[in-house]
Amino acid sequence: MTTAAVLDNPAAIVRRVQTILDSLCKRKSYRLRIPKDGYRILEHYLIISARPNRAGVRAYDHVELLSAAEKQLRRQGIENVVLVPVLE
């Protein structure tokens, strides 16, 4: 998927990322959620934030899952998407 395609339809990419995160979190005691306003376009990148659905999640685990999701996106040909953690 070209950069233009990613930036032209960010909502579709956000949905795809949420599906990937749901899959990666199946065996975890928490879920990572993308807030309704949890994305923005910055130059040629789609920046998506995700946060755990409960307190007490270690930042290390959270970032590890986001990294795995980015790798899945790249394997699917989706570049220029950056996932960032949000911890409360």
C-alpha atoms as a PDB file:
ATOM      1  CA  MET A   1       0.000   0.000   0.000  1.00  0.00           C
ATOM      2  CA  THR A   2       1.474   3.318  -0.996  1.00  0.00           C
ATOM      3  CA  THR A   3       2.026   6.178   1.395  1.00  0.00           C
ATOM      4  CA  ALA A   4      -0.686   8.144  -0.389  1.00  0.00           C
ATOM      5  CA  ALA A   5      -3.160   5.284   0.089  1.00  0.00           C
ATOM      6  CA  VAL A   6      -2.386   5.152   3.807  1.00  0.00           C
ATOM      7  CA  LEU A   7      -2.808   8.893   4.215  1.00  0.00           C
ATOM      8  CA  ASP A   8      -5.925   9.080   2.045  1.00  0.00           C
ATOM      9  CA  ASN A   9      -7.833   6.610   4.218  1.00  0.00           C
ATOM     10  CA  PRO A  10      -6.411   6.737   7.755  1.00  0.00           C
ATOM     11  CA  ALA A  11      -9.607   5.407   9.355  1.00  0.00           C
ATOM     12  CA  ALA A  12      -9.214   2.112   7.466  1.00  0.00           C
ATOM     13  CA  ILE A  13      -5.636   1.765   8.697  1.00  0.00           C
ATOM     14  CA  VAL A  14      -6.708   2.583  12.268  1.00  0.00           C
ATOM     15  CA  ARG A  15      -9.326  -0.189  12.076  1.00  0.00           C
ATOM     16  CA  ARG A  16      -6.718  -2.609  10.736  1.00  0.00           C
ATOM     17  CA  VAL A  17      -4.292  -1.683  13.520  1.00  0.00           C
ATOM     18  CA  GLN A  18      -7.008  -2.206  16.151  1.00  0.00           C
ATOM     19  CA  THR A  19      -7.686  -5.670  14.697  1.00  0.00           C
ATOM     20  CA  ILE A  20      -3.987  -6.521  14.890  1.00  0.00           C
ATOM     21  CA  LEU A  21      -3.753  -5.243  18.468  1.00  0.00           C
ATOM     22  CA  ASP A  22      -6.826  -7.274  19.448  1.00  0.00           C
ATOM     23  CA  SER A  23      -5.166 -10.375  18.034  1.00  0.00           C
ATOM     24  CA  LEU A  24      -1.852  -9.697  19.770  1.00  0.00           C
ATOM     25  CA  CYS A  25      -3.568  -9.115  23.134  1.00  0.00           C
ATOM     26  CA  LYS A  26      -5.644 -12.316  23.138  1.00  0.00           C
ATOM     27  CA  ARG A  27      -3.407 -14.019  25.691  1.00  0.00           C
ATOM     28  CA  LYS A  28      -2.808 -10.885  27.750  1.00  0.00           C
ATOM     29  CA  SER A  29      -4.772  -9.687  30.757  1.00  0.00           C
ATOM     30  CA  TYR A  30      -5.354  -6.339  29.070  1.00  0.00           C
ATOM     31  CA  ARG A  31      -6.268  -4.874  25.708  1.00  0.00           C
ATOM     32  CA  LEU A  32      -4.738  -1.996  23.798  1.00  0.00           C
ATOM     33  CA  ARG A  33      -7.265   0.487  22.475  1.00  0.00           C
ATOM     34  CA  ILE A  34      -6.938   3.285  19.990  1.00  0.00           C
ATOM     35  CA  PRO A  35      -8.971   6.278  21.209  1.00  0.00           C
ATOM     36  CA  LYS A  36     -11.498   7.820  18.846  1.00  0.00           C
ATOM     37  CA  ASP A  37      -9.171  10.761  18.233  1.00  0.00           C
ATOM     38  CA  GLY A  38      -6.053   8.611  18.541  1.00  0.00           C
ATOM     39  CA  TYR A  39      -4.429   9.339  15.218  1.00  0.00           C
ATOM     40  CA  ARG A  40      -3.038  12.201  13.195  1.00  0.00           C
ATOM     41  CA  ILE A  41      -1.102  12.744  10.017  1.00  0.00           C
ATOM     42  CA  LEU A  42       2.329  14.298  10.385  1.00  0.00           C
ATOM     43  CA  GLU A  43       4.079  14.960   7.085  1.00  0.00           C
ATOM     44  CA  HIS A  44       4.145  11.551   5.369  1.00  0.00           C
ATOM     45  CA  TYR A  45       3.343   9.470   8.435  1.00  0.00           C
ATOM     46  CA  LEU A  46       0.181   8.267  10.102  1.00  0.00           C
ATOM     47  CA  ILE A  47       0.781   8.454  13.855  1.00  0.00           C
ATOM     48  CA  ILE A  48      -1.540   6.226  15.908  1.00  0.00           C
ATOM     49  CA  SER A  49      -1.644   6.171  19.695  1.00  0.00           C
ATOM     50  CA  ALA A  50      -2.826   3.218  21.757  1.00  0.00           C
ATOM     51  CA  ARG A  51      -3.400   2.800  25.467  1.00  0.00           C
ATOM     52  CA  PRO A  52      -4.077  -0.146  27.748  1.00  0.00           C
ATOM     53  CA  ASN A  53      -7.633  -0.601  28.930  1.00  0.00           C
ATOM     54  CA  ARG A  54      -6.497  -0.917  32.543  1.00  0.00           C
ATOM     55  CA  ALA A  55      -3.897   0.570  34.851  1.00  0.00           C
ATOM     56  CA  GLY A  56      -0.757  -1.279  35.851  1.00  0.00           C
ATOM     57  CA  VAL A  57       0.380  -2.420  32.412  1.00  0.00           C
ATOM     58  CA  ARG A  58       4.154  -2.279  32.156  1.00  0.00           C
ATOM     59  CA  ALA A  59       5.384   0.131  29.513  1.00  0.00           C
ATOM     60  CA  TYR A  60       7.818  -2.500  28.244  1.00  0.00           C
ATOM     61  CA  ASP A  61       4.989  -4.917  27.396  1.00  0.00           C
ATOM     62  CA  HIS A  62       2.898  -2.199  25.833  1.00  0.00           C
ATOM     63  CA  VAL A  63       5.702  -1.005  23.550  1.00  0.00           C
ATOM     64  CA  GLU A  64       6.622  -4.579  22.610  1.00  0.00           C
ATOM     65  CA  LEU A  65       3.098  -5.210  21.291  1.00  0.00           C
ATOM     66  CA  LEU A  66       3.057  -1.952  19.353  1.00  0.00           C
ATOM     67  CA  SER A  67       6.364  -2.905  17.743  1.00  0.00           C
ATOM     68  CA  ALA A  68       4.962  -6.314  16.769  1.00  0.00           C
ATOM     69  CA  ALA A  69       1.909  -4.613  15.239  1.00  0.00           C
ATOM     70  CA  GLU A  70       4.133  -2.261  13.190  1.00  0.00           C
ATOM     71  CA  LYS A  71       6.067  -5.271  11.885  1.00  0.00           C
ATOM     72  CA  GLN A  72       2.816  -6.961  10.836  1.00  0.00           C
ATOM     73  CA  LEU A  73       1.768  -3.818   8.984  1.00  0.00           C
ATOM     74  CA  ARG A  74       5.095  -3.679   7.122  1.00  0.00           C
ATOM     75  CA  ARG A  75       4.768  -7.360   6.158  1.00  0.00           C
ATOM     76  CA  GLN A  76       1.355  -6.444   4.705  1.00  0.00           C
ATOM     77  CA  GLY A  77       2.986  -3.675   2.676  1.00  0.00           C
ATOM     78  CA  ILE A  78       1.735  -0.830   4.850  1.00  0.00           C
ATOM     79  CA  GLU A  79       4.544   1.618   5.502  1.00  0.00           C
ATOM     80  CA  ASN A  80       4.663   5.065   7.108  1.00  0.00           C
ATOM     81  CA  VAL A  81       2.576   4.118  10.136  1.00  0.00           C
ATOM     82  CA  VAL A  82       3.997   4.762  13.597  1.00  0.00           C
ATOM     83  CA  LEU A  83       2.349   3.389  16.730  1.00  0.00           C
ATOM     84  CA  VAL A  84       3.001   5.257  19.946  1.00  0.00           C
ATOM     85  CA  PRO A  85       2.165   4.271  23.513  1.00  0.00           C
ATOM     86  CA  VAL A  86      -0.008   6.316  25.821  1.00  0.00           C
ATOM     87  CA  LEU A  87       0.347   5.542  29.508  1.00  0.00           C
ATOM     88  CA  GLU A  88      -1.682   7.139  32.226  1.00  0.00           C
END
